[in-house]
Amino acid sequence: MRLITFTTTDGATHVGALAGDTAISLTRASEGDPRFASMLDLIRAGAAGVEDARELCDSHPAHAVHALDDVTLRAPLPNPPRLRDCSLFIAHLQPAFRGMARSIAAEAADPEAEYERLVATGKFDTPEVFSREVIYYNADHTAVSGPGDLIVAPAETRQLDYELEFAAVLGRTARDVAEADAAGVVFGYTIFNDWSCRDLQSVVMESQLGPSRGKDFDGSNTLGPCIVTPDELGSPYDLEMTARVNGEVWSHGSTSTMHHSFEKAIAHFSRNRTVHAGDVLGTGTVMSGSPVEIGKRLKDGDEVELEVQGIGVLRNRVQLPY
């Protein structure tokens, strides 16, 4: 199934499923079943809820069907209990760090000399720990945006980047999950755009405490357009990933280049502690998956499309103060 959250013209919010060019409202088809009141409710309903959702998709009343043109897609899971963005892709890190060094050096009288000085400090190299451990930060789970939302950058930034990622949504609450069993914890997969203010990030990461304000503003975590269940997607480790700006391809990669797997991450996060149904695990950015790596800059009004094979296209326009 390709599960969605959408609103209708009367302002009502529905949990549903995509079926061609229509949206089936599970909320309406279930006649008020509380398991279909929200996506989080459906996730928490477990395997029985998913099976009932399939039956509703196969056999539903006519009044539960909406033309896609008549509804507005929202973030499929607007209220995850927790949102971790991980470094499951690591090849992206070195060019991203060097790109941030170039951005800082651009303000100097001699940018090339300043860039060489910054690189020589070692602060813009990738620490070896990224290859050994699943490194992550806790993103703001209250700052979730969805497909079609306008992304308004903070007034103080002069360098907003998209990040081409995808994410696993956990389907059950668990503890001490073995890596061999971890695939069974996944509810589904969605696209994740981790918007990043590179200039702000470069400053605060001197603290070695994380990206902080550089990735923390209203709407900074975009999910969508749907959550695809594992049976429909198949393996998550051989999918093409593409980013386009105003229709032009800027980034392209593959999930086959992930250094750490979702299974490893789930086992790591659940060791001696609890992961929760509805938690979201972002992959981090695929190689070349952000403008800072490729020497490009977003402009006010640009339309950014992230596409992951088998999931769809996540489209947003940006409003920038520069």
C-alpha atoms as a PDB file:
ATOM      1  CA  MET A   1       0.000   0.000   0.000  1.00  0.00           C
ATOM      2  CA  ARG A   2       0.924   3.630  -0.530  1.00  0.00           C
ATOM      3  CA  LEU A   3      -0.495   5.328   2.548  1.00  0.00           C
ATOM      4  CA  ILE A   4      -1.220   9.045   2.723  1.00  0.00           C
ATOM      5  CA  THR A   5      -2.653  11.780   4.886  1.00  0.00           C
ATOM      6  CA  PHE A   6      -4.792  14.310   3.025  1.00  0.00           C
ATOM      7  CA  THR A   7      -7.331  17.063   3.545  1.00  0.00           C
ATOM      8  CA  THR A   8     -10.514  17.630   1.607  1.00  0.00           C
ATOM      9  CA  THR A   9     -12.085  20.930   0.576  1.00  0.00           C
ATOM     10  CA  ASP A  10     -14.190  20.967   3.746  1.00  0.00           C
ATOM     11  CA  GLY A  11     -11.007  20.990   5.851  1.00  0.00           C
ATOM     12  CA  ALA A  12     -11.363  17.412   7.106  1.00  0.00           C
ATOM     13  CA  THR A  13      -8.210  15.317   7.502  1.00  0.00           C
ATOM     14  CA  HIS A  14      -8.186  11.725   6.271  1.00  0.00           C
ATOM     15  CA  VAL A  15      -5.852   8.750   6.410  1.00  0.00           C
ATOM     16  CA  GLY A  16      -5.928   7.041   3.062  1.00  0.00           C
ATOM     17  CA  ALA A  17      -4.245   5.078   0.332  1.00  0.00           C
ATOM     18  CA  LEU A  18      -3.269   5.996  -3.197  1.00  0.00           C
ATOM     19  CA  ALA A  19      -4.976   4.032  -5.966  1.00  0.00           C
ATOM     20  CA  GLY A  20      -3.982   5.343  -9.380  1.00  0.00           C
ATOM     21  CA  ASP A  21      -5.224   8.922  -9.676  1.00  0.00           C
ATOM     22  CA  THR A  22      -7.543   8.595  -6.684  1.00  0.00           C
ATOM     23  CA  ALA A  23      -7.247   8.680  -2.916  1.00  0.00           C
ATOM     24  CA  ILE A  24      -9.234   6.170  -0.874  1.00  0.00           C
ATOM     25  CA  SER A  25     -10.197   7.543   2.529  1.00  0.00           C
ATOM     26  CA  LEU A  26      -9.689   4.801   5.090  1.00  0.00           C
ATOM     27  CA  THR A  27     -11.078   7.203   7.659  1.00  0.00           C
ATOM     28  CA  ARG A  28     -14.374   7.386   5.782  1.00  0.00           C
ATOM     29  CA  ALA A  29     -14.436   3.790   4.541  1.00  0.00           C
ATOM     30  CA  SER A  30     -14.010   2.474   8.099  1.00  0.00           C
ATOM     31  CA  GLU A  31     -17.045   4.418   9.299  1.00  0.00           C
ATOM     32  CA  GLY A  32     -15.218   6.110  12.153  1.00  0.00           C
ATOM     33  CA  ASP A  33     -12.959   3.275  13.309  1.00  0.00           C
ATOM     34  CA  PRO A  34     -10.487   5.075  15.647  1.00  0.00           C
ATOM     35  CA  ARG A  35      -7.586   3.102  14.177  1.00  0.00           C
ATOM     36  CA  PHE A  36      -7.983   5.215  11.030  1.00  0.00           C
ATOM     37  CA  ALA A  37      -8.301   8.598  12.737  1.00  0.00           C
ATOM     38  CA  SER A  38      -4.652   9.428  11.958  1.00  0.00           C
ATOM     39  CA  MET A  39      -1.592   7.770  10.467  1.00  0.00           C
ATOM     40  CA  LEU A  40      -0.073   7.377  13.916  1.00  0.00           C
ATOM     41  CA  ASP A  41      -3.230   5.604  15.072  1.00  0.00           C
ATOM     42  CA  LEU A  42      -2.970   3.236  12.108  1.00  0.00           C
ATOM     43  CA  ILE A  43       0.697   2.520  12.811  1.00  0.00           C
ATOM     44  CA  ARG A  44      -0.044   1.826  16.469  1.00  0.00           C
ATOM     45  CA  ALA A  45      -2.840  -0.552  15.449  1.00  0.00           C
ATOM     46  CA  GLY A  46      -0.163  -2.990  14.316  1.00  0.00           C
ATOM     47  CA  ALA A  47      -0.450  -5.829  11.824  1.00  0.00           C
ATOM     48  CA  ALA A  48      -4.198  -6.194  12.302  1.00  0.00           C
ATOM     49  CA  GLY A  49      -4.720  -2.533  11.430  1.00  0.00           C
ATOM     50  CA  VAL A  50      -2.604  -2.860   8.290  1.00  0.00           C
ATOM     51  CA  GLU A  51      -4.509  -5.962   7.202  1.00  0.00           C
ATOM     52  CA  ASP A  52      -7.844  -4.209   7.735  1.00  0.00           C
ATOM     53  CA  ALA A  53      -6.538  -1.246   5.736  1.00  0.00           C
ATOM     54  CA  ARG A  54      -5.781  -3.620   2.851  1.00  0.00           C
ATOM     55  CA  GLU A  55      -9.311  -5.009   2.991  1.00  0.00           C
ATOM     56  CA  LEU A  56     -10.757  -1.484   2.938  1.00  0.00           C
ATOM     57  CA  CYS A  57      -8.615  -0.667  -0.105  1.00  0.00           C
ATOM     58  CA  ASP A  58      -9.943  -3.749  -1.881  1.00  0.00           C
ATOM     59  CA  SER A  59     -13.564  -3.173  -0.905  1.00  0.00           C
ATOM     60  CA  HIS A  60     -14.657   0.358  -0.064  1.00  0.00           C
ATOM     61  CA  PRO A  61     -17.807   2.466  -0.438  1.00  0.00           C
ATOM     62  CA  ALA A  62     -17.979   4.921  -3.332  1.00  0.00           C
ATOM     63  CA  HIS A  63     -18.140   7.913  -0.984  1.00  0.00           C
ATOM     64  CA  ALA A  64     -14.619   7.066   0.297  1.00  0.00           C
ATOM     65  CA  VAL A  65     -12.992   7.733  -3.094  1.00  0.00           C
ATOM     66  CA  HIS A  66     -11.619  11.179  -3.967  1.00  0.00           C
ATOM     67  CA  ALA A  67      -9.908  12.389  -7.113  1.00  0.00           C
ATOM     68  CA  LEU A  68      -6.334  13.370  -6.290  1.00  0.00           C
ATOM     69  CA  ASP A  69      -6.913  16.771  -7.878  1.00  0.00           C
ATOM     70  CA  ASP A  70      -9.643  17.419  -5.309  1.00  0.00           C
ATOM     71  CA  VAL A  71      -7.534  16.767  -2.191  1.00  0.00           C
ATOM     72  CA  THR A  72      -4.356  18.204  -0.658  1.00  0.00           C
ATOM     73  CA  LEU A  73      -1.636  15.794   0.360  1.00  0.00           C
ATOM     74  CA  ARG A  74      -0.082  16.470   3.754  1.00  0.00           C
ATOM     75  CA  ALA A  75       2.930  14.950   5.474  1.00  0.00           C
ATOM     76  CA  PRO A  76       1.909  11.281   5.697  1.00  0.00           C
ATOM     77  CA  LEU A  77       2.999  11.187   9.357  1.00  0.00           C
ATOM     78  CA  PRO A  78       2.767  14.767  10.653  1.00  0.00           C
ATOM     79  CA  ASN A  79       3.417  13.884  14.297  1.00  0.00           C
ATOM     80  CA  PRO A  80       6.108  11.202  14.674  1.00  0.00           C
ATOM     81  CA  PRO A  81       6.920  10.432  18.327  1.00  0.00           C
ATOM     82  CA  ARG A  82      10.616  10.785  17.486  1.00  0.00           C
ATOM     83  CA  LEU A  83      12.649  11.774  14.429  1.00  0.00           C
ATOM     84  CA  ARG A  84      16.272  10.681  14.240  1.00  0.00           C
ATOM     85  CA  ASP A  85      18.366  11.708  11.258  1.00  0.00           C
ATOM     86  CA  CYS A  86      21.201   9.232  10.866  1.00  0.00           C
ATOM     87  CA  SER A  87      24.407   8.972   8.859  1.00  0.00           C
ATOM     88  CA  LEU A  88      23.579   5.718   7.091  1.00  0.00           C
ATOM     89  CA  PHE A  89      25.091   7.188   3.932  1.00  0.00           C
ATOM     90  CA  ILE A  90      28.593   8.436   4.774  1.00  0.00           C
ATOM     91  CA  ALA A  91      30.237   9.153   1.393  1.00  0.00           C
ATOM     92  CA  HIS A  92      28.375  12.476   1.325  1.00  0.00           C
ATOM     93  CA  LEU A  93      30.063  13.776   4.458  1.00  0.00           C
ATOM     94  CA  GLN A  94      33.535  14.615   3.177  1.00  0.00           C
ATOM     95  CA  PRO A  95      32.416  16.718   0.183  1.00  0.00           C
ATOM     96  CA  ALA A  96      29.761  18.365   2.366  1.00  0.00           C
ATOM     97  CA  PHE A  97      32.314  19.333   5.021  1.00  0.00           C
ATOM     98  CA  ARG A  98      34.658  20.663   2.343  1.00  0.00           C
ATOM     99  CA  GLY A  99      31.803  22.541   0.745  1.00  0.00           C
ATOM    100  CA  MET A 100      31.055  24.244   4.055  1.00  0.00           C
ATOM    101  CA  ALA A 101      34.746  25.169   4.323  1.00  0.00           C
ATOM    102  CA  ARG A 102      34.561  26.788   0.883  1.00  0.00           C
ATOM    103  CA  SER A 103      31.470  28.764   1.917  1.00  0.00           C
ATOM    104  CA  ILE A 104      33.261  30.079   5.002  1.00  0.00           C
ATOM    105  CA  ALA A 105      36.428  30.863   3.034  1.00  0.00           C
ATOM    106  CA  ALA A 106      34.479  32.810   0.397  1.00  0.00           C
ATOM    107  CA  GLU A 107      34.215  35.740   2.830  1.00  0.00           C
ATOM    108  CA  ALA A 108      37.991  36.061   3.214  1.00  0.00           C
ATOM    109  CA  ALA A 109      40.273  38.431   1.303  1.00  0.00           C
ATOM    110  CA  ASP A 110      42.034  35.414  -0.225  1.00  0.00           C
ATOM    111  CA  PRO A 111      39.365  32.673  -0.400  1.00  0.00           C
ATOM    112  CA  GLU A 112      41.659  29.948  -1.718  1.00  0.00           C
ATOM    113  CA  ALA A 113      44.310  30.522   0.934  1.00  0.00           C
ATOM    114  CA  GLU A 114      41.653  30.595   3.639  1.00  0.00           C
ATOM    115  CA  TYR A 115      40.118  27.376   2.299  1.00  0.00           C
ATOM    116  CA  GLU A 116      43.504  25.636   2.450  1.00  0.00           C
ATOM    117  CA  ARG A 117      44.015  26.905   6.005  1.00  0.00           C
ATOM    118  CA  LEU A 118      40.611  25.613   7.102  1.00  0.00           C
ATOM    119  CA  VAL A 119      41.176  22.192   5.526  1.00  0.00           C
ATOM    120  CA  ALA A 120      44.590  21.948   7.201  1.00  0.00           C
ATOM    121  CA  THR A 121      42.925  22.230  10.627  1.00  0.00           C
ATOM    122  CA  GLY A 122      41.334  18.781  10.119  1.00  0.00           C
ATOM    123  CA  LYS A 123      37.961  20.125  11.243  1.00  0.00           C
ATOM    124  CA  PHE A 124      36.502  19.509   7.789  1.00  0.00           C
ATOM    125  CA  ASP A 125      37.512  15.850   7.528  1.00  0.00           C
ATOM    126  CA  THR A 126      35.098  12.999   8.217  1.00  0.00           C
ATOM    127  CA  PRO A 127      35.805  11.391  11.601  1.00  0.00           C
ATOM    128  CA  GLU A 128      36.407   7.646  11.359  1.00  0.00           C
ATOM    129  CA  VAL A 129      33.662   6.982  13.915  1.00  0.00           C
ATOM    130  CA  PHE A 130      31.031   7.533  11.191  1.00  0.00           C
ATOM    131  CA  SER A 131      32.106   4.302   9.500  1.00  0.00           C
ATOM    132  CA  ARG A 132      31.940   2.305  12.758  1.00  0.00           C
ATOM    133  CA  GLU A 133      28.878   3.673  14.522  1.00  0.00           C
ATOM    134  CA  VAL A 134      25.378   4.757  13.540  1.00  0.00           C
ATOM    135  CA  ILE A 135      25.765   8.485  14.198  1.00  0.00           C
ATOM    136  CA  TYR A 136      22.570  10.535  14.450  1.00  0.00           C
ATOM    137  CA  TYR A 137      20.988  13.637  15.881  1.00  0.00           C
ATOM    138  CA  ASN A 138      17.459  14.162  17.194  1.00  0.00           C
ATOM    139  CA  ALA A 139      15.599  16.341  14.707  1.00  0.00           C
ATOM    140  CA  ASP A 140      12.589  18.423  15.737  1.00  0.00           C
ATOM    141  CA  HIS A 141       9.580  16.129  15.354  1.00  0.00           C
ATOM    142  CA  THR A 142       7.265  19.143  15.771  1.00  0.00           C
ATOM    143  CA  ALA A 143       8.722  20.842  12.675  1.00  0.00           C
ATOM    144  CA  VAL A 144       7.373  18.425  10.053  1.00  0.00           C
ATOM    145  CA  SER A 145       6.211  19.744   6.680  1.00  0.00           C
ATOM    146  CA  GLY A 146       4.706  17.897   3.753  1.00  0.00           C
ATOM    147  CA  PRO A 147       4.383  17.816  -0.030  1.00  0.00           C
ATOM    148  CA  GLY A 148       3.552  21.170  -1.564  1.00  0.00           C
ATOM    149  CA  ASP A 149       4.329  23.134   1.593  1.00  0.00           C
ATOM    150  CA  LEU A 150       6.266  26.365   1.185  1.00  0.00           C
ATOM    151  CA  ILE A 151       9.617  26.102   2.979  1.00  0.00           C
ATOM    152  CA  VAL A 152      10.373  29.466   4.557  1.00  0.00           C
ATOM    153  CA  ALA A 153      14.045  29.797   5.469  1.00  0.00           C
ATOM    154  CA  PRO A 154      15.079  31.656   8.627  1.00  0.00           C
ATOM    155  CA  ALA A 155      15.744  35.344   8.018  1.00  0.00           C
ATOM    156  CA  GLU A 156      19.381  35.054   9.113  1.00  0.00           C
ATOM    157  CA  THR A 157      20.472  32.371   6.632  1.00  0.00           C
ATOM    158  CA  ARG A 158      22.117  32.998   3.281  1.00  0.00           C
ATOM    159  CA  GLN A 159      22.550  29.357   2.236  1.00  0.00           C
ATOM    160  CA  LEU A 160      19.614  26.966   2.420  1.00  0.00           C
ATOM    161  CA  ASP A 161      20.217  23.449   1.090  1.00  0.00           C
ATOM    162  CA  TYR A 162      17.947  20.521   0.400  1.00  0.00           C
ATOM    163  CA  GLU A 163      19.154  17.050   1.410  1.00  0.00           C
ATOM    164  CA  LEU A 164      18.164  14.028  -0.670  1.00  0.00           C
ATOM    165  CA  GLU A 165      17.235  11.324   1.849  1.00  0.00           C
ATOM    166  CA  PHE A 166      14.623   8.724   2.582  1.00  0.00           C
ATOM    167  CA  ALA A 167      13.432   7.268   5.859  1.00  0.00           C
ATOM    168  CA  ALA A 168      12.030   4.194   7.568  1.00  0.00           C
ATOM    169  CA  VAL A 169       8.942   4.513   9.754  1.00  0.00           C
ATOM    170  CA  LEU A 170       8.836   2.034  12.622  1.00  0.00           C
ATOM    171  CA  GLY A 171       5.699  -0.064  12.997  1.00  0.00           C
ATOM    172  CA  ARG A 172       5.848  -1.285  16.554  1.00  0.00           C
ATOM    173  CA  THR A 173       7.237  -0.419  19.957  1.00  0.00           C
ATOM    174  CA  ALA A 174      10.139  -2.711  20.811  1.00  0.00           C
ATOM    175  CA  ARG A 175      13.287  -3.139  22.840  1.00  0.00           C
ATOM    176  CA  ASP A 176      16.512  -5.111  22.251  1.00  0.00           C
ATOM    177  CA  VAL A 177      15.687  -5.958  18.646  1.00  0.00           C
ATOM    178  CA  ALA A 178      18.219  -8.276  17.001  1.00  0.00           C
ATOM    179  CA  GLU A 179      19.564  -7.007  13.695  1.00  0.00           C
ATOM    180  CA  ALA A 180      18.287 -10.198  12.014  1.00  0.00           C
ATOM    181  CA  ASP A 181      14.743  -9.395  13.190  1.00  0.00           C
ATOM    182  CA  ALA A 182      14.786  -5.643  12.660  1.00  0.00           C
ATOM    183  CA  ALA A 183      13.207  -5.610   9.187  1.00  0.00           C
ATOM    184  CA  GLY A 184      10.014  -6.835  10.847  1.00  0.00           C
ATOM    185  CA  VAL A 185       9.815  -3.643  12.888  1.00  0.00           C
ATOM    186  CA  VAL A 186       9.549  -1.390   9.794  1.00  0.00           C
ATOM    187  CA  PHE A 187       6.062  -0.108   8.940  1.00  0.00           C
ATOM    188  CA  GLY A 188       7.104   1.552   5.698  1.00  0.00           C
ATOM    189  CA  TYR A 189       9.319   4.021   3.867  1.00  0.00           C
ATOM    190  CA  THR A 190       8.981   7.651   2.858  1.00  0.00           C
ATOM    191  CA  ILE A 191      11.085  10.436   1.326  1.00  0.00           C
ATOM    192  CA  PHE A 192      12.801  12.844   3.712  1.00  0.00           C
ATOM    193  CA  ASN A 193      14.121  16.325   2.888  1.00  0.00           C
ATOM    194  CA  ASP A 194      16.359  17.529   5.718  1.00  0.00           C
ATOM    195  CA  TRP A 195      16.532  21.264   4.934  1.00  0.00           C
ATOM    196  CA  SER A 196      19.815  22.745   6.149  1.00  0.00           C
ATOM    197  CA  CYS A 197      21.072  26.305   6.608  1.00  0.00           C
ATOM    198  CA  ARG A 198      24.729  25.652   5.821  1.00  0.00           C
ATOM    199  CA  ASP A 199      26.077  28.997   6.985  1.00  0.00           C
ATOM    200  CA  LEU A 200      24.375  28.681  10.369  1.00  0.00           C
ATOM    201  CA  GLN A 201      25.354  25.022  10.633  1.00  0.00           C
ATOM    202  CA  SER A 202      29.029  25.820   9.949  1.00  0.00           C
ATOM    203  CA  VAL A 203      29.120  28.207  12.902  1.00  0.00           C
ATOM    204  CA  VAL A 204      27.333  26.063  15.501  1.00  0.00           C
ATOM    205  CA  MET A 205      29.146  22.832  14.652  1.00  0.00           C
ATOM    206  CA  GLU A 206      32.312  24.395  16.057  1.00  0.00           C
ATOM    207  CA  SER A 207      30.719  23.392  19.378  1.00  0.00           C
ATOM    208  CA  GLN A 208      30.841  19.693  18.342  1.00  0.00           C
ATOM    209  CA  LEU A 209      27.314  19.355  19.724  1.00  0.00           C
ATOM    210  CA  GLY A 210      25.442  18.954  16.447  1.00  0.00           C
ATOM    211  CA  PRO A 211      23.841  21.084  13.722  1.00  0.00           C
ATOM    212  CA  SER A 212      21.531  22.956  16.108  1.00  0.00           C
ATOM    213  CA  ARG A 213      19.996  26.092  14.530  1.00  0.00           C
ATOM    214  CA  GLY A 214      21.315  25.062  11.107  1.00  0.00           C
ATOM    215  CA  LYS A 215      18.612  22.391  10.808  1.00  0.00           C
ATOM    216  CA  ASP A 216      16.038  23.631  13.299  1.00  0.00           C
ATOM    217  CA  PHE A 217      13.259  25.898  12.035  1.00  0.00           C
ATOM    218  CA  ASP A 218       9.559  25.629  11.241  1.00  0.00           C
ATOM    219  CA  GLY A 219       8.951  23.042   8.528  1.00  0.00           C
ATOM    220  CA  SER A 220      12.608  22.007   8.375  1.00  0.00           C
ATOM    221  CA  ASN A 221      11.803  18.277   8.127  1.00  0.00           C
ATOM    222  CA  THR A 222       9.727  17.406   5.072  1.00  0.00           C
ATOM    223  CA  LEU A 223       8.199  13.932   4.726  1.00  0.00           C
ATOM    224  CA  GLY A 224       6.147  12.506   1.872  1.00  0.00           C
ATOM    225  CA  PRO A 225       4.391  12.152  -0.383  1.00  0.00           C
ATOM    226  CA  CYS A 226       3.349   8.766   1.045  1.00  0.00           C
ATOM    227  CA  ILE A 227       4.508   5.867   3.203  1.00  0.00           C
ATOM    228  CA  VAL A 228       5.061   2.753   1.111  1.00  0.00           C
ATOM    229  CA  THR A 229       4.684  -0.551   2.941  1.00  0.00           C
ATOM    230  CA  PRO A 230       7.618  -2.989   2.696  1.00  0.00           C
ATOM    231  CA  ASP A 231       5.685  -5.586   0.689  1.00  0.00           C
ATOM    232  CA  GLU A 232       5.016  -3.028  -2.038  1.00  0.00           C
ATOM    233  CA  LEU A 233       8.464  -1.437  -2.112  1.00  0.00           C
ATOM    234  CA  GLY A 234      10.570  -4.599  -1.936  1.00  0.00           C
ATOM    235  CA  SER A 235      14.217  -4.128  -0.995  1.00  0.00           C
ATOM    236  CA  PRO A 236      14.998  -0.574   0.153  1.00  0.00           C
ATOM    237  CA  TYR A 237      18.649  -1.045  -0.837  1.00  0.00           C
ATOM    238  CA  ASP A 238      18.521  -0.730  -4.619  1.00  0.00           C
ATOM    239  CA  LEU A 239      16.494   2.397  -5.360  1.00  0.00           C
ATOM    240  CA  GLU A 240      17.418   5.344  -7.562  1.00  0.00           C
ATOM    241  CA  MET A 241      17.386   8.742  -5.850  1.00  0.00           C
ATOM    242  CA  THR A 242      17.146  12.025  -7.767  1.00  0.00           C
ATOM    243  CA  ALA A 243      16.867  15.703  -6.867  1.00  0.00           C
ATOM    244  CA  ARG A 244      15.687  18.303  -9.367  1.00  0.00           C
ATOM    245  CA  VAL A 245      15.612  22.080  -9.044  1.00  0.00           C
ATOM    246  CA  ASN A 246      13.174  23.803 -11.402  1.00  0.00           C
ATOM    247  CA  GLY A 247      13.149  20.591 -13.437  1.00  0.00           C
ATOM    248  CA  GLU A 248      16.950  20.323 -13.772  1.00  0.00           C
ATOM    249  CA  VAL A 249      18.689  17.312 -12.226  1.00  0.00           C
ATOM    250  CA  TRP A 250      21.140  18.465  -9.545  1.00  0.00           C
ATOM    251  CA  SER A 251      21.647  15.228  -7.603  1.00  0.00           C
ATOM    252  CA  HIS A 252      21.489  11.538  -8.396  1.00  0.00           C
ATOM    253  CA  GLY A 253      22.402   8.472  -6.367  1.00  0.00           C
ATOM    254  CA  SER A 254      21.319   5.062  -5.183  1.00  0.00           C
ATOM    255  CA  THR A 255      20.287   3.523  -1.899  1.00  0.00           C
ATOM    256  CA  SER A 256      22.735   0.716  -2.734  1.00  0.00           C
ATOM    257  CA  THR A 257      25.504   3.021  -1.458  1.00  0.00           C
ATOM    258  CA  MET A 258      24.239   3.033   2.136  1.00  0.00           C
ATOM    259  CA  HIS A 259      27.099   2.227   4.520  1.00  0.00           C
ATOM    260  CA  HIS A 260      24.829   1.230   7.432  1.00  0.00           C
ATOM    261  CA  SER A 261      21.459  -0.503   7.078  1.00  0.00           C
ATOM    262  CA  PHE A 262      18.138   0.344   8.698  1.00  0.00           C
ATOM    263  CA  GLU A 263      18.368  -3.021  10.456  1.00  0.00           C
ATOM    264  CA  LYS A 264      21.674  -2.071  12.039  1.00  0.00           C
ATOM    265  CA  ALA A 265      20.236   1.278  13.108  1.00  0.00           C
ATOM    266  CA  ILE A 266      17.139  -0.298  14.672  1.00  0.00           C
ATOM    267  CA  ALA A 267      19.239  -2.829  16.570  1.00  0.00           C
ATOM    268  CA  HIS A 268      21.511  -0.021  17.760  1.00  0.00           C
ATOM    269  CA  PHE A 269      18.704   2.301  18.887  1.00  0.00           C
ATOM    270  CA  SER A 270      16.779  -0.458  20.651  1.00  0.00           C
ATOM    271  CA  ARG A 271      19.710  -1.860  22.600  1.00  0.00           C
ATOM    272  CA  ASN A 272      18.757  -1.521  26.283  1.00  0.00           C
ATOM    273  CA  ARG A 273      16.121   1.058  25.376  1.00  0.00           C
ATOM    274  CA  THR A 274      12.792   1.403  23.637  1.00  0.00           C
ATOM    275  CA  VAL A 275      11.968   2.453  20.105  1.00  0.00           C
ATOM    276  CA  HIS A 276       8.370   3.432  19.444  1.00  0.00           C
ATOM    277  CA  ALA A 277       5.767   2.788  16.788  1.00  0.00           C
ATOM    278  CA  GLY A 278       5.821   5.835  14.517  1.00  0.00           C
ATOM    279  CA  ASP A 279       9.475   6.720  15.103  1.00  0.00           C
ATOM    280  CA  VAL A 280      11.173   7.942  11.920  1.00  0.00           C
ATOM    281  CA  LEU A 281      14.772   7.071  10.997  1.00  0.00           C
ATOM    282  CA  GLY A 282      16.288   9.243   8.266  1.00  0.00           C
ATOM    283  CA  THR A 283      19.179   7.913   6.210  1.00  0.00           C
ATOM    284  CA  GLY A 284      21.248  11.030   5.947  1.00  0.00           C
ATOM    285  CA  THR A 285      22.157  12.331   2.512  1.00  0.00           C
ATOM    286  CA  VAL A 286      23.177  10.254  -0.475  1.00  0.00           C
ATOM    287  CA  MET A 287      26.447  11.190  -2.234  1.00  0.00           C
ATOM    288  CA  SER A 288      25.987  14.456  -4.223  1.00  0.00           C
ATOM    289  CA  GLY A 289      22.576  14.823  -2.592  1.00  0.00           C
ATOM    290  CA  SER A 290      22.956  18.420  -1.425  1.00  0.00           C
ATOM    291  CA  PRO A 291      23.917  21.671  -3.198  1.00  0.00           C
ATOM    292  CA  VAL A 292      26.840  22.322  -0.825  1.00  0.00           C
ATOM    293  CA  GLU A 293      28.615  19.281  -2.297  1.00  0.00           C
ATOM    294  CA  ILE A 294      28.244  20.328  -5.917  1.00  0.00           C
ATOM    295  CA  GLY A 295      28.887  24.068  -5.711  1.00  0.00           C
ATOM    296  CA  LYS A 296      25.298  25.176  -6.344  1.00  0.00           C
ATOM    297  CA  ARG A 297      22.971  27.528  -4.463  1.00  0.00           C
ATOM    298  CA  LEU A 298      19.197  27.605  -4.172  1.00  0.00           C
ATOM    299  CA  LYS A 299      17.457  30.873  -5.046  1.00  0.00           C
ATOM    300  CA  ASP A 300      14.238  32.386  -3.759  1.00  0.00           C
ATOM    301  CA  GLY A 301      11.259  30.740  -5.453  1.00  0.00           C
ATOM    302  CA  ASP A 302      13.083  27.602  -6.594  1.00  0.00           C
ATOM    303  CA  GLU A 303      11.060  24.411  -6.794  1.00  0.00           C
ATOM    304  CA  VAL A 304      12.829  21.370  -5.334  1.00  0.00           C
ATOM    305  CA  GLU A 305      11.746  17.839  -6.209  1.00  0.00           C
ATOM    306  CA  LEU A 306      13.144  14.778  -4.462  1.00  0.00           C
ATOM    307  CA  GLU A 307      12.336  11.463  -6.103  1.00  0.00           C
ATOM    308  CA  VAL A 308      12.999   7.997  -4.712  1.00  0.00           C
ATOM    309  CA  GLN A 309      12.190   5.045  -6.928  1.00  0.00           C
ATOM    310  CA  GLY A 310       9.097   3.214  -5.749  1.00  0.00           C
ATOM    311  CA  ILE A 311       8.039   5.952  -3.330  1.00  0.00           C
ATOM    312  CA  GLY A 312       7.290   8.974  -5.504  1.00  0.00           C
ATOM    313  CA  VAL A 313       8.173  12.659  -5.771  1.00  0.00           C
ATOM    314  CA  LEU A 314       8.314  15.089  -2.855  1.00  0.00           C
ATOM    315  CA  ARG A 315       7.926  18.638  -4.177  1.00  0.00           C
ATOM    316  CA  ASN A 316       8.362  21.952  -2.349  1.00  0.00           C
ATOM    317  CA  ARG A 317       9.048  25.566  -3.207  1.00  0.00           C
ATOM    318  CA  VAL A 318      11.446  27.638  -1.102  1.00  0.00           C
ATOM    319  CA  GLN A 319      11.123  31.192   0.184  1.00  0.00           C
ATOM    320  CA  LEU A 320      14.558  32.623   0.875  1.00  0.00           C
ATOM    321  CA  PRO A 321      15.650  35.940   2.382  1.00  0.00           C
ATOM    322  CA  TYR A 322      18.382  36.421  -0.262  1.00  0.00           C
END
